[in-house]
Amino acid sequence: KASGMDLILKHSKSVEKLQVHLQQGALASFSEGIALNGTVKELRIHSLHLSAQDMTHLGSALLQNTSLTMLALHTFTDGNTPGAAAVFEAIASHPCIRHLELSLIHVSDPAASKAFIKMLQTSKSLRVLRYHTSSNPNSNLAQDIITGLNDSTKVTTVDLRYAMMRASEFDALAKFAQSRPGILIMPSKPSKYV
């Protein structure tokens, strides 16, 4: 249960890796543990859907956490869920997160998109982004990544796996990747895209 995870995070002095599978709404139950924990370096969160409250609580917890070096957030949640911006903003200012794994539909909400770009531009610790995503008709996946990385000298590796992407976005990213050897786009030659 999430409450049990909260106790582990609050009191354990030895746990360094933690993986949790959550129902919607459960993340709030152990966000305080994430905030106060000082030993867990790798946190993997799996959930079919994260609510606005889940995302907001996670963002607040990350602002207080000082130990995480790796965060994985795997969900089918649309990145436009209210609170997504708070998560990106918290990662941008986190002192230690070097490795970020995201699985979500790319954002099209202006606030979340701006926060995603800022995360790439301003994070002093982030080095690796593994992003499993899908572009929706209203998002600017390629432009957000290109804009964010253009002004970033810290992020050296981007592993982008996509389910669907517009042809214009794929072409723009493929061209940009030629100048940044650390960018991997898969599939590299899609048989069909919109």
Protein backbone atom coordinates (compact mmCIF):
# COMPACT_ATOMS: atom_id res chain seq x y z
CA LYS A 1 0.00 0.00 0.00
CA ALA A 2 1.05 3.57 -0.58
CA SER A 3 0.94 4.27 3.16
CA GLY A 4 3.45 1.48 3.67
CA MET A 5 5.71 3.00 1.05
CA ASP A 6 5.46 6.28 2.92
CA LEU A 7 6.73 4.61 6.12
CA ILE A 8 9.63 3.00 4.24
CA LEU A 9 10.64 6.29 2.68
CA LYS A 10 10.36 8.21 5.95
CA HIS A 11 12.28 5.81 8.16
CA SER A 12 14.56 3.58 6.09
CA LYS A 13 18.26 4.37 6.26
CA SER A 14 19.38 1.76 3.74
CA VAL A 15 16.90 1.47 0.84
CA GLU A 16 18.47 2.99 -2.28
CA LYS A 17 16.12 1.70 -5.02
CA LEU A 18 12.33 1.65 -4.89
CA GLN A 19 9.77 0.65 -7.51
CA VAL A 20 6.05 1.15 -6.90
CA HIS A 21 2.90 0.33 -8.88
CA LEU A 22 0.06 2.65 -7.94
CA GLN A 23 -3.61 3.21 -8.46
CA GLN A 24 -4.83 6.68 -9.35
CA GLY A 25 -4.80 8.98 -6.34
CA ALA A 26 -2.36 6.87 -4.31
CA LEU A 27 0.74 8.95 -4.97
CA ALA A 28 -0.45 11.63 -2.56
CA SER A 29 -0.31 9.05 0.26
CA PHE A 30 3.46 8.77 0.21
CA SER A 31 4.57 12.07 -1.27
CA GLU A 32 5.73 13.19 2.18
CA GLY A 33 8.03 10.20 2.28
CA ILE A 34 9.56 11.21 -1.06
CA ALA A 35 10.07 14.71 0.27
CA LEU A 36 11.76 13.63 3.51
CA ASN A 37 13.74 10.60 2.34
CA GLY A 38 17.50 11.01 2.17
CA THR A 39 18.69 7.59 1.00
CA VAL A 40 16.64 6.45 -2.03
CA LYS A 41 18.57 7.30 -5.18
CA GLU A 42 16.39 5.51 -7.74
CA LEU A 43 12.59 5.81 -7.74
CA ARG A 44 10.36 4.17 -10.34
CA ILE A 45 6.65 5.01 -10.32
CA HIS A 46 4.23 3.00 -12.47
CA SER A 47 0.57 3.93 -12.77
CA LEU A 48 -2.06 3.58 -15.47
CA HIS A 49 -3.20 7.10 -14.71
CA LEU A 50 -1.98 9.88 -12.43
CA SER A 51 -4.53 12.41 -11.27
CA ALA A 52 -3.96 16.15 -11.10
CA GLN A 53 -3.53 15.75 -7.35
CA ASP A 54 -0.94 12.99 -7.86
CA MET A 55 1.13 15.18 -10.18
CA THR A 56 0.90 18.21 -7.90
CA HIS A 57 1.94 16.21 -4.84
CA LEU A 58 4.86 14.67 -6.72
CA GLY A 59 6.05 18.10 -7.84
CA SER A 60 5.91 19.43 -4.27
CA ALA A 61 7.73 16.37 -2.93
CA LEU A 62 10.53 16.65 -5.49
CA LEU A 63 11.11 20.27 -4.49
CA GLN A 64 12.06 19.05 -1.00
CA ASN A 65 13.89 15.86 -1.92
CA THR A 66 17.70 15.95 -2.04
CA SER A 67 18.72 12.33 -2.66
CA LEU A 68 17.21 11.14 -5.96
CA THR A 69 19.60 10.73 -8.87
CA MET A 70 17.18 8.75 -11.06
CA LEU A 71 13.41 9.19 -11.49
CA ALA A 72 11.15 7.10 -13.73
CA LEU A 73 7.53 8.05 -14.25
CA HIS A 74 5.66 5.50 -16.38
CA THR A 75 2.00 6.24 -17.01
CA PHE A 76 -0.57 6.57 -19.76
CA THR A 77 -1.43 9.98 -18.35
CA ASP A 78 -1.69 12.82 -20.81
CA GLY A 79 1.05 15.31 -20.00
CA ASN A 80 -1.60 18.02 -19.92
CA THR A 81 -2.94 16.73 -16.63
CA PRO A 82 -2.95 19.72 -14.27
CA GLY A 83 0.16 19.35 -12.16
CA ALA A 84 2.47 18.18 -14.96
CA ALA A 85 4.06 21.62 -15.07
CA ALA A 86 4.80 21.36 -11.34
CA VAL A 87 6.65 18.08 -11.88
CA PHE A 88 8.78 19.52 -14.71
CA GLU A 89 9.54 22.67 -12.69
CA ALA A 90 10.61 20.59 -9.69
CA ILE A 91 12.94 18.44 -11.81
CA ALA A 92 14.43 21.60 -13.32
CA SER A 93 15.52 22.81 -9.88
CA HIS A 94 16.37 19.43 -8.34
CA PRO A 95 20.06 19.32 -7.34
CA CYS A 96 20.73 15.64 -8.03
CA ILE A 97 18.45 14.06 -10.67
CA ARG A 98 20.75 13.02 -13.52
CA HIS A 99 18.60 10.40 -15.21
CA LEU A 100 14.92 10.93 -16.07
CA GLU A 101 12.59 8.39 -17.67
CA LEU A 102 9.17 9.58 -18.78
CA SER A 103 6.32 7.64 -20.36
CA LEU A 104 3.41 9.90 -21.17
CA ILE A 105 1.62 11.59 -24.04
CA HIS A 106 3.56 14.74 -24.86
CA VAL A 107 2.18 17.97 -23.47
CA SER A 108 0.24 20.51 -25.49
CA ASP A 109 -0.88 22.67 -22.55
CA PRO A 110 1.14 25.94 -22.82
CA ALA A 111 2.15 25.98 -19.14
CA ALA A 112 3.30 22.35 -19.15
CA SER A 113 5.09 22.80 -22.48
CA LYS A 114 6.93 25.86 -21.15
CA ALA A 115 7.93 23.97 -18.00
CA PHE A 116 9.18 20.98 -20.05
CA ILE A 117 11.38 23.28 -22.15
CA LYS A 118 12.65 25.08 -19.05
CA MET A 119 13.51 21.73 -17.46
CA LEU A 120 15.81 20.90 -20.38
CA GLN A 121 17.26 24.39 -20.50
CA THR A 122 17.95 25.10 -16.84
CA SER A 123 18.51 21.81 -14.99
CA LYS A 124 22.05 21.76 -13.62
CA SER A 125 22.04 18.02 -12.90
CA LEU A 126 20.02 16.34 -15.68
CA ARG A 127 22.18 14.42 -18.17
CA VAL A 128 19.97 11.65 -19.58
CA LEU A 129 16.36 11.83 -20.79
CA ARG A 130 14.59 8.65 -21.86
CA TYR A 131 11.22 9.63 -23.22
CA HIS A 132 8.58 7.15 -24.40
CA THR A 133 5.82 9.28 -25.82
CA SER A 134 3.28 9.94 -28.49
CA SER A 135 2.72 13.24 -30.22
CA ASN A 136 -0.87 14.44 -30.29
CA PRO A 137 -2.23 16.80 -32.98
CA ASN A 138 -1.99 19.83 -30.68
CA SER A 139 1.47 19.26 -29.24
CA ASN A 140 4.85 20.47 -30.43
CA LEU A 141 7.00 17.54 -29.40
CA ALA A 142 9.85 18.20 -31.82
CA GLN A 143 9.94 21.95 -31.25
CA ASP A 144 9.85 21.60 -27.47
CA ILE A 145 12.80 19.18 -27.46
CA ILE A 146 14.79 21.21 -29.98
CA THR A 147 14.17 24.49 -28.15
CA GLY A 148 15.06 22.94 -24.81
CA LEU A 149 18.24 21.24 -26.00
CA ASN A 150 19.44 24.18 -28.08
CA ASP A 151 20.07 26.10 -24.87
CA SER A 152 21.27 23.15 -22.81
CA THR A 153 24.88 22.12 -22.45
CA LYS A 154 24.11 19.65 -19.65
CA VAL A 155 21.73 17.12 -21.24
CA THR A 156 23.98 14.87 -23.31
CA THR A 157 21.77 11.84 -24.00
CA VAL A 158 18.19 11.76 -25.26
CA ASP A 159 16.53 8.42 -26.02
CA LEU A 160 13.21 9.20 -27.70
CA ARG A 161 10.84 6.30 -28.39
CA TYR A 162 7.54 7.31 -29.94
CA ALA A 163 4.29 5.60 -30.83
CA MET A 164 3.09 8.27 -33.23
CA MET A 165 4.60 11.45 -34.65
CA ARG A 166 3.74 13.83 -37.45
CA ALA A 167 6.04 13.63 -40.47
CA SER A 168 7.10 17.27 -40.08
CA GLU A 169 8.08 16.68 -36.45
CA PHE A 170 10.06 13.55 -37.26
CA ASP A 171 11.95 15.33 -40.04
CA ALA A 172 12.79 18.28 -37.77
CA LEU A 173 14.04 16.01 -35.00
CA ALA A 174 16.03 13.81 -37.37
CA LYS A 175 17.76 16.88 -38.79
CA PHE A 176 18.49 18.24 -35.30
CA ALA A 177 19.82 14.86 -34.16
CA GLN A 178 22.51 15.00 -36.85
CA SER A 179 24.16 17.84 -34.93
CA ARG A 180 23.71 16.17 -31.53
CA PRO A 181 25.21 12.66 -31.52
CA GLY A 182 23.63 11.87 -28.14
CA ILE A 183 20.08 11.90 -29.55
CA LEU A 184 18.51 8.55 -30.44
CA ILE A 185 15.11 8.46 -32.13
CA MET A 186 13.32 5.14 -32.44
CA PRO A 187 11.98 3.96 -34.80
CA SER A 188 14.61 5.68 -36.88
CA LYS A 189 12.75 5.08 -40.13
CA PRO A 190 9.05 4.72 -39.40
CA SER A 191 7.11 2.77 -41.98
CA LYS A 192 4.08 4.94 -41.40
CA TYR A 193 3.49 8.21 -39.62
CA VAL A 194 0.96 10.98 -39.81
